[in-house]
């Protein structure tokens, strides 16, 4: 791993795996111009998946001690970075501490702050495509493949007890490793101890196919594994059968998007609504840009950012 050189202008970082391939590298200059962020730049820091703890610490220490390095968005490494470097932060928000992950690094009054923004950004994204009272009207289930930070954030939003009866009738989480399953089980129990849950260790895609076949109609099925973006493939085989009248959410917006194409093959027959990760991507980034540069990106300001982004994505 190579650390960035000392920043000579206001700099935000993107801590990921294949950052140069992200649309944000083309979008950020346009956003900065629209938002009045004079001279601000975005730079990528690529780390291997599950990098050494010392690598995460060195990145955080660099940002903390470099005056014009203002903060960062963290993707893929949210949980690993938190556990490796949480003691370096002067402030961690309640979501970061509850979920043991962070997606936003920023500074305020000389102090380094860490936030888990995904519960907010995933909620805003879901509000854009999940019909009002969807769960209350249909009693569908939530099936998430993957148990990392995004899966935890989605559960925290959908299962919040303030939603009353408008929550999934059951939550089913599948993952390839047991420790992540244990962690999301702990957090879901804390968020809503009354919800029916199932947790499945699924080392092979065929295991997910078998679970999918049992999911009720009018459900939400999510690929939160990262497969189809930084790593090839899908959590399902081509034999996976989606439940009728359901919502299918591919959290990725770039890459091969195999999972999304599998759903699109059944879209007409099963009456599926298939959503990619584009609006989630926009909300995720604007939430962190807002925190790093201490600006408000809501209302008409967000609508303009969305317009700029959609033009580039055509």
C-alpha atoms as a PDB file:
ATOM      1  CA  UNK A   1       0.000   0.000   0.000  1.00  0.00           C
ATOM      2  CA  UNK A   2       1.233   3.482  -0.919  1.00  0.00           C
ATOM      3  CA  UNK A   3       0.002   6.449   1.112  1.00  0.00           C
ATOM      4  CA  UNK A   4      -0.942   9.671  -0.718  1.00  0.00           C
ATOM      5  CA  UNK A   5       1.463  12.580  -0.752  1.00  0.00           C
ATOM      6  CA  UNK A   6       0.791  15.549   1.515  1.00  0.00           C
ATOM      7  CA  UNK A   7      -2.279  17.395   0.219  1.00  0.00           C
ATOM      8  CA  UNK A   8      -1.700  20.829  -1.340  1.00  0.00           C
ATOM      9  CA  UNK A   9      -5.398  21.668  -1.786  1.00  0.00           C
ATOM     10  CA  UNK A  10      -8.621  20.657   0.018  1.00  0.00           C
ATOM     11  CA  UNK A  11      -8.710  16.884  -0.513  1.00  0.00           C
ATOM     12  CA  UNK A  12     -11.273  14.181   0.131  1.00  0.00           C
ATOM     13  CA  UNK A  13     -10.297  10.525  -0.234  1.00  0.00           C
ATOM     14  CA  UNK A  14     -12.117   7.460  -1.484  1.00  0.00           C
ATOM     15  CA  UNK A  15     -10.930   4.369   0.402  1.00  0.00           C
ATOM     16  CA  UNK A  16     -11.903   1.325  -1.637  1.00  0.00           C
ATOM     17  CA  UNK A  17     -10.636  -1.539  -3.777  1.00  0.00           C
ATOM     18  CA  UNK A  18     -10.866  -0.374  -7.404  1.00  0.00           C
ATOM     19  CA  UNK A  19     -11.492   3.335  -6.926  1.00  0.00           C
ATOM     20  CA  UNK A  20     -10.337   4.450 -10.379  1.00  0.00           C
ATOM     21  CA  UNK A  21     -13.250   2.526 -11.933  1.00  0.00           C
ATOM     22  CA  UNK A  22     -15.884   4.379  -9.899  1.00  0.00           C
ATOM     23  CA  UNK A  23     -18.133   6.957 -11.551  1.00  0.00           C
ATOM     24  CA  UNK A  24     -17.407   9.315  -8.654  1.00  0.00           C
ATOM     25  CA  UNK A  25     -14.026  10.104 -10.179  1.00  0.00           C
ATOM     26  CA  UNK A  26     -15.796  11.729 -13.134  1.00  0.00           C
ATOM     27  CA  UNK A  27     -18.677  13.082 -11.074  1.00  0.00           C
ATOM     28  CA  UNK A  28     -16.829  14.738  -8.211  1.00  0.00           C
ATOM     29  CA  UNK A  29     -15.391  17.659 -10.218  1.00  0.00           C
ATOM     30  CA  UNK A  30     -18.899  18.423 -11.529  1.00  0.00           C
ATOM     31  CA  UNK A  31     -20.389  18.158  -8.035  1.00  0.00           C
ATOM     32  CA  UNK A  32     -17.632  20.361  -6.575  1.00  0.00           C
ATOM     33  CA  UNK A  33     -18.332  23.047  -9.163  1.00  0.00           C
ATOM     34  CA  UNK A  34     -22.079  22.917  -8.494  1.00  0.00           C
ATOM     35  CA  UNK A  35     -21.566  22.980  -4.717  1.00  0.00           C
ATOM     36  CA  UNK A  36     -19.038  25.819  -4.786  1.00  0.00           C
ATOM     37  CA  UNK A  37     -16.203  23.687  -3.388  1.00  0.00           C
ATOM     38  CA  UNK A  38     -13.342  25.738  -4.779  1.00  0.00           C
ATOM     39  CA  UNK A  39     -10.137  23.791  -5.525  1.00  0.00           C
ATOM     40  CA  UNK A  40     -11.485  20.643  -3.822  1.00  0.00           C
ATOM     41  CA  UNK A  41     -10.284  17.320  -5.244  1.00  0.00           C
ATOM     42  CA  UNK A  42     -11.026  13.626  -4.703  1.00  0.00           C
ATOM     43  CA  UNK A  43      -8.279  11.001  -4.600  1.00  0.00           C
ATOM     44  CA  UNK A  44      -8.568   7.222  -4.372  1.00  0.00           C
ATOM     45  CA  UNK A  45      -6.781   4.945  -1.914  1.00  0.00           C
ATOM     46  CA  UNK A  46      -6.967   1.290  -2.955  1.00  0.00           C
ATOM     47  CA  UNK A  47      -6.539  -1.447  -0.345  1.00  0.00           C
ATOM     48  CA  UNK A  48      -6.859  -5.197  -0.672  1.00  0.00           C
ATOM     49  CA  UNK A  49     -10.091  -6.656   0.717  1.00  0.00           C
ATOM     50  CA  UNK A  50      -9.457  -7.485   4.403  1.00  0.00           C
ATOM     51  CA  UNK A  51      -6.127  -5.626   4.347  1.00  0.00           C
ATOM     52  CA  UNK A  52      -3.725  -5.716   7.291  1.00  0.00           C
ATOM     53  CA  UNK A  53      -4.886  -3.669  10.303  1.00  0.00           C
ATOM     54  CA  UNK A  54      -1.696  -1.594  10.126  1.00  0.00           C
ATOM     55  CA  UNK A  55      -2.598  -0.470   6.593  1.00  0.00           C
ATOM     56  CA  UNK A  56      -5.932   0.890   7.821  1.00  0.00           C
ATOM     57  CA  UNK A  57      -4.256   2.650  10.730  1.00  0.00           C
ATOM     58  CA  UNK A  58      -1.685   4.297   8.476  1.00  0.00           C
ATOM     59  CA  UNK A  59      -4.405   5.655   6.180  1.00  0.00           C
ATOM     60  CA  UNK A  60      -6.434   7.061   9.069  1.00  0.00           C
ATOM     61  CA  UNK A  61      -3.346   8.569  10.724  1.00  0.00           C
ATOM     62  CA  UNK A  62      -2.356  10.230   7.447  1.00  0.00           C
ATOM     63  CA  UNK A  63      -5.778  11.864   7.064  1.00  0.00           C
ATOM     64  CA  UNK A  64      -5.838  12.843  10.729  1.00  0.00           C
ATOM     65  CA  UNK A  65      -2.451  14.567  10.628  1.00  0.00           C
ATOM     66  CA  UNK A  66      -2.480  16.125   7.143  1.00  0.00           C
ATOM     67  CA  UNK A  67      -4.000  19.615   7.304  1.00  0.00           C
ATOM     68  CA  UNK A  68      -5.633  19.762   3.855  1.00  0.00           C
ATOM     69  CA  UNK A  69      -6.797  16.136   3.933  1.00  0.00           C
ATOM     70  CA  UNK A  70     -10.365  16.814   5.051  1.00  0.00           C
ATOM     71  CA  UNK A  71     -11.850  13.326   5.195  1.00  0.00           C
ATOM     72  CA  UNK A  72     -12.880  10.248   3.255  1.00  0.00           C
ATOM     73  CA  UNK A  73     -15.656   7.953   2.128  1.00  0.00           C
ATOM     74  CA  UNK A  74     -15.006   4.313   3.007  1.00  0.00           C
ATOM     75  CA  UNK A  75     -16.441   1.450   0.996  1.00  0.00           C
ATOM     76  CA  UNK A  76     -15.803  -2.323   1.238  1.00  0.00           C
ATOM     77  CA  UNK A  77     -13.458  -1.742   4.222  1.00  0.00           C
ATOM     78  CA  UNK A  78     -16.038  -0.178   6.590  1.00  0.00           C
ATOM     79  CA  UNK A  79     -15.928  -2.913   9.235  1.00  0.00           C
ATOM     80  CA  UNK A  80     -12.231  -3.782   8.994  1.00  0.00           C
ATOM     81  CA  UNK A  81     -11.159  -0.126   9.139  1.00  0.00           C
ATOM     82  CA  UNK A  82     -13.353   0.532  12.166  1.00  0.00           C
ATOM     83  CA  UNK A  83     -11.903  -2.348  14.170  1.00  0.00           C
ATOM     84  CA  UNK A  84      -8.325  -1.542  13.178  1.00  0.00           C
ATOM     85  CA  UNK A  85      -8.412   2.207  13.816  1.00  0.00           C
ATOM     86  CA  UNK A  86     -11.385   3.161  16.008  1.00  0.00           C
ATOM     87  CA  UNK A  87      -9.093   4.387  18.794  1.00  0.00           C
ATOM     88  CA  UNK A  88      -7.671   7.066  16.471  1.00  0.00           C
ATOM     89  CA  UNK A  89     -11.002   8.909  16.304  1.00  0.00           C
ATOM     90  CA  UNK A  90     -12.005  11.698  18.664  1.00  0.00           C
ATOM     91  CA  UNK A  91     -15.696  11.078  17.962  1.00  0.00           C
ATOM     92  CA  UNK A  92     -17.682   8.107  16.656  1.00  0.00           C
ATOM     93  CA  UNK A  93     -21.401   8.454  16.010  1.00  0.00           C
ATOM     94  CA  UNK A  94     -23.895   6.037  17.632  1.00  0.00           C
ATOM     95  CA  UNK A  95     -24.440   4.059  14.409  1.00  0.00           C
ATOM     96  CA  UNK A  96     -20.684   3.546  14.011  1.00  0.00           C
ATOM     97  CA  UNK A  97     -20.390   2.193  17.543  1.00  0.00           C
ATOM     98  CA  UNK A  98     -23.525   0.048  17.347  1.00  0.00           C
ATOM     99  CA  UNK A  99     -22.657  -1.497  13.974  1.00  0.00           C
ATOM    100  CA  UNK A 100     -18.872  -1.596  14.412  1.00  0.00           C
ATOM    101  CA  UNK A 101     -18.293   0.052  11.037  1.00  0.00           C
ATOM    102  CA  UNK A 102     -17.851   3.469   9.475  1.00  0.00           C
ATOM    103  CA  UNK A 103     -18.280   4.906   6.010  1.00  0.00           C
ATOM    104  CA  UNK A 104     -17.371   8.549   6.646  1.00  0.00           C
ATOM    105  CA  UNK A 105     -14.213  10.172   8.009  1.00  0.00           C
ATOM    106  CA  UNK A 106     -14.262  13.930   8.598  1.00  0.00           C
ATOM    107  CA  UNK A 107     -12.803  16.666  10.751  1.00  0.00           C
ATOM    108  CA  UNK A 108     -14.477  19.294  12.901  1.00  0.00           C
ATOM    109  CA  UNK A 109     -12.690  21.829  15.114  1.00  0.00           C
ATOM    110  CA  UNK A 110      -9.454  19.877  14.862  1.00  0.00           C
ATOM    111  CA  UNK A 111     -11.040  16.584  15.880  1.00  0.00           C
ATOM    112  CA  UNK A 112     -11.288  13.438  13.750  1.00  0.00           C
ATOM    113  CA  UNK A 113     -14.847  12.114  13.450  1.00  0.00           C
ATOM    114  CA  UNK A 114     -16.201   8.817  12.151  1.00  0.00           C
ATOM    115  CA  UNK A 115     -19.760   8.150  11.024  1.00  0.00           C
ATOM    116  CA  UNK A 116     -21.764   5.203   9.724  1.00  0.00           C
ATOM    117  CA  UNK A 117     -23.870   6.950   7.090  1.00  0.00           C
ATOM    118  CA  UNK A 118     -25.321   3.866   5.408  1.00  0.00           C
ATOM    119  CA  UNK A 119     -28.492   3.674   7.549  1.00  0.00           C
ATOM    120  CA  UNK A 120     -29.375   7.152   6.283  1.00  0.00           C
ATOM    121  CA  UNK A 121     -28.306   6.739   2.648  1.00  0.00           C
ATOM    122  CA  UNK A 122     -29.816   3.259   2.267  1.00  0.00           C
ATOM    123  CA  UNK A 123     -33.064   4.535   3.767  1.00  0.00           C
ATOM    124  CA  UNK A 124     -33.223   7.446   1.329  1.00  0.00           C
ATOM    125  CA  UNK A 125     -32.526   5.057  -1.545  1.00  0.00           C
ATOM    126  CA  UNK A 126     -35.237   2.602  -0.474  1.00  0.00           C
ATOM    127  CA  UNK A 127     -37.767   5.389  -0.073  1.00  0.00           C
ATOM    128  CA  UNK A 128     -37.313   6.070  -3.793  1.00  0.00           C
ATOM    129  CA  UNK A 129     -38.558   2.624  -4.929  1.00  0.00           C
ATOM    130  CA  UNK A 130     -40.351   0.759  -2.093  1.00  0.00           C
ATOM    131  CA  UNK A 131     -44.066   1.633  -2.273  1.00  0.00           C
ATOM    132  CA  UNK A 132     -45.619   3.253   0.767  1.00  0.00           C
ATOM    133  CA  UNK A 133     -46.967   0.671   3.256  1.00  0.00           C
ATOM    134  CA  UNK A 134     -45.464  -2.121   1.120  1.00  0.00           C
ATOM    135  CA  UNK A 135     -44.790  -4.395   4.106  1.00  0.00           C
ATOM    136  CA  UNK A 136     -48.036  -3.680   5.909  1.00  0.00           C
ATOM    137  CA  UNK A 137     -50.091  -4.304   2.759  1.00  0.00           C
ATOM    138  CA  UNK A 138     -48.366  -7.509   1.580  1.00  0.00           C
ATOM    139  CA  UNK A 139     -46.524  -9.124   4.569  1.00  0.00           C
ATOM    140  CA  UNK A 140     -43.514  -9.869   2.400  1.00  0.00           C
ATOM    141  CA  UNK A 141     -40.075 -10.921   3.599  1.00  0.00           C
ATOM    142  CA  UNK A 142     -36.600  -9.436   3.407  1.00  0.00           C
ATOM    143  CA  UNK A 143     -33.900 -11.713   1.974  1.00  0.00           C
ATOM    144  CA  UNK A 144     -30.382 -10.260   2.041  1.00  0.00           C
ATOM    145  CA  UNK A 145     -27.400 -12.068   0.588  1.00  0.00           C
ATOM    146  CA  UNK A 146     -24.340 -10.645   2.317  1.00  0.00           C
ATOM    147  CA  UNK A 147     -23.945  -9.604   5.947  1.00  0.00           C
ATOM    148  CA  UNK A 148     -21.559  -6.659   5.799  1.00  0.00           C
ATOM    149  CA  UNK A 149     -22.085  -2.977   6.504  1.00  0.00           C
ATOM    150  CA  UNK A 150     -24.714  -2.368   3.827  1.00  0.00           C
ATOM    151  CA  UNK A 151     -26.825  -5.318   4.974  1.00  0.00           C
ATOM    152  CA  UNK A 152     -26.664  -4.097   8.566  1.00  0.00           C
ATOM    153  CA  UNK A 153     -27.629  -0.571   7.518  1.00  0.00           C
ATOM    154  CA  UNK A 154     -30.619  -1.806   5.491  1.00  0.00           C
ATOM    155  CA  UNK A 155     -31.857  -3.881   8.431  1.00  0.00           C
ATOM    156  CA  UNK A 156     -31.483  -0.937  10.795  1.00  0.00           C
ATOM    157  CA  UNK A 157     -33.679   1.198   8.552  1.00  0.00           C
ATOM    158  CA  UNK A 158     -36.366  -1.328   7.651  1.00  0.00           C
ATOM    159  CA  UNK A 159     -36.694  -2.885  11.114  1.00  0.00           C
ATOM    160  CA  UNK A 160     -36.745   0.315  13.144  1.00  0.00           C
ATOM    161  CA  UNK A 161     -39.554  -0.090  15.663  1.00  0.00           C
ATOM    162  CA  UNK A 162     -40.838   3.391  14.820  1.00  0.00           C
ATOM    163  CA  UNK A 163     -42.069   1.852  11.525  1.00  0.00           C
ATOM    164  CA  UNK A 164     -44.789   0.068  13.511  1.00  0.00           C
ATOM    165  CA  UNK A 165     -46.482  -2.687  11.486  1.00  0.00           C
ATOM    166  CA  UNK A 166     -44.878  -1.559   8.226  1.00  0.00           C
ATOM    167  CA  UNK A 167     -41.875  -3.887   8.487  1.00  0.00           C
ATOM    168  CA  UNK A 168     -40.943  -7.192   6.790  1.00  0.00           C
ATOM    169  CA  UNK A 169     -42.715 -10.260   8.207  1.00  0.00           C
ATOM    170  CA  UNK A 170     -39.372 -12.064   8.375  1.00  0.00           C
ATOM    171  CA  UNK A 171     -35.699 -11.280   7.798  1.00  0.00           C
ATOM    172  CA  UNK A 172     -33.521 -13.915   6.128  1.00  0.00           C
ATOM    173  CA  UNK A 173     -29.780 -13.262   5.906  1.00  0.00           C
ATOM    174  CA  UNK A 174     -27.338 -15.496   4.017  1.00  0.00           C
ATOM    175  CA  UNK A 175     -23.566 -15.161   4.050  1.00  0.00           C
ATOM    176  CA  UNK A 176     -20.453 -17.149   3.181  1.00  0.00           C
ATOM    177  CA  UNK A 177     -18.762 -16.683   6.573  1.00  0.00           C
ATOM    178  CA  UNK A 178     -20.132 -17.298  10.067  1.00  0.00           C
ATOM    179  CA  UNK A 179     -18.574 -14.337  11.955  1.00  0.00           C
ATOM    180  CA  UNK A 180     -20.463 -11.763   9.844  1.00  0.00           C
ATOM    181  CA  UNK A 181     -23.690 -13.706  10.395  1.00  0.00           C
ATOM    182  CA  UNK A 182     -23.106 -13.672  14.146  1.00  0.00           C
ATOM    183  CA  UNK A 183     -22.539  -9.923  14.075  1.00  0.00           C
ATOM    184  CA  UNK A 184     -25.634  -9.029  12.050  1.00  0.00           C
ATOM    185  CA  UNK A 185     -27.702 -11.349  14.263  1.00  0.00           C
ATOM    186  CA  UNK A 186     -26.518  -9.421  17.340  1.00  0.00           C
ATOM    187  CA  UNK A 187     -27.375  -6.070  15.769  1.00  0.00           C
ATOM    188  CA  UNK A 188     -30.798  -7.087  14.431  1.00  0.00           C
ATOM    189  CA  UNK A 189     -31.681  -8.386  17.885  1.00  0.00           C
ATOM    190  CA  UNK A 190     -30.755  -4.987  19.303  1.00  0.00           C
ATOM    191  CA  UNK A 191     -32.707  -3.040  16.663  1.00  0.00           C
ATOM    192  CA  UNK A 192     -35.898  -5.093  16.861  1.00  0.00           C
ATOM    193  CA  UNK A 193     -35.996  -8.160  19.131  1.00  0.00           C
ATOM    194  CA  UNK A 194     -39.540  -9.008  18.011  1.00  0.00           C
ATOM    195  CA  UNK A 195     -38.829  -9.670  14.334  1.00  0.00           C
ATOM    196  CA  UNK A 196     -38.768 -13.230  12.965  1.00  0.00           C
ATOM    197  CA  UNK A 197     -35.297 -14.027  11.627  1.00  0.00           C
ATOM    198  CA  UNK A 198     -33.258 -16.726   9.902  1.00  0.00           C
ATOM    199  CA  UNK A 199     -29.484 -16.774   9.388  1.00  0.00           C
ATOM    200  CA  UNK A 200     -27.940 -19.143   6.860  1.00  0.00           C
ATOM    201  CA  UNK A 201     -24.317 -20.027   6.168  1.00  0.00           C
ATOM    202  CA  UNK A 202     -24.207 -20.298   2.365  1.00  0.00           C
ATOM    203  CA  UNK A 203     -20.714 -21.080   1.030  1.00  0.00           C
ATOM    204  CA  UNK A 204     -22.133 -21.959  -2.415  1.00  0.00           C
ATOM    205  CA  UNK A 205     -24.553 -20.077  -4.685  1.00  0.00           C
ATOM    206  CA  UNK A 206     -26.787 -23.158  -4.843  1.00  0.00           C
ATOM    207  CA  UNK A 207     -27.498 -22.671  -1.121  1.00  0.00           C
ATOM    208  CA  UNK A 208     -28.919 -19.222  -1.850  1.00  0.00           C
ATOM    209  CA  UNK A 209     -31.018 -20.632  -4.702  1.00  0.00           C
ATOM    210  CA  UNK A 210     -32.648 -23.045  -2.250  1.00  0.00           C
ATOM    211  CA  UNK A 211     -33.496 -20.240   0.192  1.00  0.00           C
ATOM    212  CA  UNK A 212     -34.793 -17.961  -2.564  1.00  0.00           C
ATOM    213  CA  UNK A 213     -37.251 -20.631  -3.685  1.00  0.00           C
ATOM    214  CA  UNK A 214     -38.926 -20.478  -0.242  1.00  0.00           C
ATOM    215  CA  UNK A 215     -39.282 -16.666  -0.085  1.00  0.00           C
ATOM    216  CA  UNK A 216     -42.854 -15.337  -0.145  1.00  0.00           C
ATOM    217  CA  UNK A 217     -44.250 -13.156  -2.956  1.00  0.00           C
ATOM    218  CA  UNK A 218     -44.092  -9.375  -2.442  1.00  0.00           C
ATOM    219  CA  UNK A 219     -40.668  -9.588  -0.839  1.00  0.00           C
ATOM    220  CA  UNK A 220     -37.410  -7.646  -1.163  1.00  0.00           C
ATOM    221  CA  UNK A 221     -34.359  -9.607  -2.343  1.00  0.00           C
ATOM    222  CA  UNK A 222     -30.974  -7.891  -2.123  1.00  0.00           C
ATOM    223  CA  UNK A 223     -27.471  -8.609  -3.369  1.00  0.00           C
ATOM    224  CA  UNK A 224     -25.287  -7.044  -0.673  1.00  0.00           C
ATOM    225  CA  UNK A 225     -22.307  -9.318  -1.316  1.00  0.00           C
ATOM    226  CA  UNK A 226     -20.277  -7.124  -3.646  1.00  0.00           C
ATOM    227  CA  UNK A 227     -20.268  -9.948  -6.205  1.00  0.00           C
ATOM    228  CA  UNK A 228     -20.688  -8.479  -9.656  1.00  0.00           C
ATOM    229  CA  UNK A 229     -18.622  -5.360  -8.889  1.00  0.00           C
ATOM    230  CA  UNK A 230     -15.183  -5.778  -7.310  1.00  0.00           C
ATOM    231  CA  UNK A 231     -15.379  -9.556  -7.606  1.00  0.00           C
ATOM    232  CA  UNK A 232     -16.974 -11.505 -10.486  1.00  0.00           C
ATOM    233  CA  UNK A 233     -20.156 -13.513 -10.207  1.00  0.00           C
ATOM    234  CA  UNK A 234     -23.487 -13.499  -8.391  1.00  0.00           C
ATOM    235  CA  UNK A 235     -24.669 -14.948  -5.071  1.00  0.00           C
ATOM    236  CA  UNK A 236     -27.196 -16.963  -7.117  1.00  0.00           C
ATOM    237  CA  UNK A 237     -26.850 -19.428  -9.967  1.00  0.00           C
ATOM    238  CA  UNK A 238     -28.859 -18.945 -13.138  1.00  0.00           C
ATOM    239  CA  UNK A 239     -31.315 -21.502 -11.722  1.00  0.00           C
ATOM    240  CA  UNK A 240     -32.441 -19.193  -8.893  1.00  0.00           C
ATOM    241  CA  UNK A 241     -36.197 -18.526  -9.010  1.00  0.00           C
ATOM    242  CA  UNK A 242     -37.411 -15.134  -7.757  1.00  0.00           C
ATOM    243  CA  UNK A 243     -40.754 -14.836  -5.917  1.00  0.00           C
ATOM    244  CA  UNK A 244     -43.584 -13.117  -7.779  1.00  0.00           C
ATOM    245  CA  UNK A 245     -44.426  -9.423  -7.366  1.00  0.00           C
ATOM    246  CA  UNK A 246     -41.174  -8.756  -5.547  1.00  0.00           C
ATOM    247  CA  UNK A 247     -38.583  -5.983  -5.404  1.00  0.00           C
ATOM    248  CA  UNK A 248     -35.042  -6.964  -6.395  1.00  0.00           C
ATOM    249  CA  UNK A 249     -32.197  -4.665  -5.385  1.00  0.00           C
ATOM    250  CA  UNK A 250     -28.719  -4.981  -6.834  1.00  0.00           C
ATOM    251  CA  UNK A 251     -26.618  -2.754  -4.559  1.00  0.00           C
ATOM    252  CA  UNK A 252     -23.908  -2.489  -7.210  1.00  0.00           C
ATOM    253  CA  UNK A 253     -24.214   0.098  -9.949  1.00  0.00           C
ATOM    254  CA  UNK A 254     -21.083  -0.848 -11.950  1.00  0.00           C
ATOM    255  CA  UNK A 255     -19.350  -4.048 -12.953  1.00  0.00           C
ATOM    256  CA  UNK A 256     -20.903  -7.102 -14.606  1.00  0.00           C
ATOM    257  CA  UNK A 257     -24.050  -6.919 -12.394  1.00  0.00           C
ATOM    258  CA  UNK A 258     -24.761 -10.625 -12.923  1.00  0.00           C
ATOM    259  CA  UNK A 259     -27.377 -10.704 -10.138  1.00  0.00           C
ATOM    260  CA  UNK A 260     -29.333  -7.841 -11.690  1.00  0.00           C
ATOM    261  CA  UNK A 261     -29.317  -9.496 -15.102  1.00  0.00           C
ATOM    262  CA  UNK A 262     -30.555 -12.750 -13.558  1.00  0.00           C
ATOM    263  CA  UNK A 263     -33.509 -10.831 -12.113  1.00  0.00           C
ATOM    264  CA  UNK A 264     -34.172  -8.999 -15.386  1.00  0.00           C
ATOM    265  CA  UNK A 265     -34.472 -12.378 -17.139  1.00  0.00           C
ATOM    266  CA  UNK A 266     -37.495 -13.093 -14.902  1.00  0.00           C
ATOM    267  CA  UNK A 267     -38.830  -9.534 -14.641  1.00  0.00           C
ATOM    268  CA  UNK A 268     -41.865  -9.941 -16.909  1.00  0.00           C
ATOM    269  CA  UNK A 269     -42.797 -13.491 -15.905  1.00  0.00           C
ATOM    270  CA  UNK A 270     -42.547 -12.788 -12.167  1.00  0.00           C
ATOM    271  CA  UNK A 271     -43.671  -9.136 -12.239  1.00  0.00           C
ATOM    272  CA  UNK A 272     -40.465  -7.931 -10.562  1.00  0.00           C
ATOM    273  CA  UNK A 273     -39.302  -4.401  -9.877  1.00  0.00           C
ATOM    274  CA  UNK A 274     -35.528  -4.479 -10.440  1.00  0.00           C
ATOM    275  CA  UNK A 275     -33.419  -1.662  -9.004  1.00  0.00           C
ATOM    276  CA  UNK A 276     -29.691  -1.116  -9.342  1.00  0.00           C
ATOM    277  CA  UNK A 277     -27.433   0.732  -6.894  1.00  0.00           C
ATOM    278  CA  UNK A 278     -27.261   4.105  -8.668  1.00  0.00           C
ATOM    279  CA  UNK A 279     -29.500   6.168  -6.372  1.00  0.00           C
ATOM    280  CA  UNK A 280     -27.904   4.463  -3.345  1.00  0.00           C
ATOM    281  CA  UNK A 281     -24.514   5.473  -4.746  1.00  0.00           C
ATOM    282  CA  UNK A 282     -25.618   9.121  -5.061  1.00  0.00           C
ATOM    283  CA  UNK A 283     -27.127   9.273  -1.568  1.00  0.00           C
ATOM    284  CA  UNK A 284     -24.117   7.496  -0.083  1.00  0.00           C
ATOM    285  CA  UNK A 285     -21.677   9.973  -1.568  1.00  0.00           C
ATOM    286  CA  UNK A 286     -23.682  13.125  -0.905  1.00  0.00           C
ATOM    287  CA  UNK A 287     -24.121  12.153   2.746  1.00  0.00           C
ATOM    288  CA  UNK A 288     -20.339  11.923   3.185  1.00  0.00           C
ATOM    289  CA  UNK A 289     -19.465  14.950   1.019  1.00  0.00           C
ATOM    290  CA  UNK A 290     -21.869  16.930   3.181  1.00  0.00           C
ATOM    291  CA  UNK A 291     -20.062  15.773   6.333  1.00  0.00           C
ATOM    292  CA  UNK A 292     -16.518  16.271   4.999  1.00  0.00           C
ATOM    293  CA  UNK A 293     -17.093  19.779   3.639  1.00  0.00           C
ATOM    294  CA  UNK A 294     -19.739  20.845   6.195  1.00  0.00           C
ATOM    295  CA  UNK A 295     -22.357  21.783   3.622  1.00  0.00           C
ATOM    296  CA  UNK A 296     -26.063  20.990   3.224  1.00  0.00           C
ATOM    297  CA  UNK A 297     -26.974  18.781   0.259  1.00  0.00           C
ATOM    298  CA  UNK A 298     -30.737  18.424   0.500  1.00  0.00           C
ATOM    299  CA  UNK A 299     -33.795  19.686  -1.361  1.00  0.00           C
ATOM    300  CA  UNK A 300     -33.032  21.600  -4.547  1.00  0.00           C
ATOM    301  CA  UNK A 301     -29.275  21.201  -4.018  1.00  0.00           C
ATOM    302  CA  UNK A 302     -29.581  17.396  -3.993  1.00  0.00           C
ATOM    303  CA  UNK A 303     -31.928  17.472  -6.986  1.00  0.00           C
ATOM    304  CA  UNK A 304     -29.298  19.358  -8.988  1.00  0.00           C
ATOM    305  CA  UNK A 305     -26.616  16.856  -7.968  1.00  0.00           C
ATOM    306  CA  UNK A 306     -28.929  14.012  -9.028  1.00  0.00           C
ATOM    307  CA  UNK A 307     -29.581  15.729 -12.373  1.00  0.00           C
ATOM    308  CA  UNK A 308     -25.856  16.149 -13.039  1.00  0.00           C
ATOM    309  CA  UNK A 309     -25.219  12.534 -12.064  1.00  0.00           C
ATOM    310  CA  UNK A 310     -27.999  11.092 -14.226  1.00  0.00           C
ATOM    311  CA  UNK A 311     -26.751  13.009 -17.242  1.00  0.00           C
ATOM    312  CA  UNK A 312     -23.318  11.437 -16.865  1.00  0.00           C
ATOM    313  CA  UNK A 313     -24.835   7.975 -16.321  1.00  0.00           C
ATOM    314  CA  UNK A 314     -26.876   7.970 -19.555  1.00  0.00           C
END
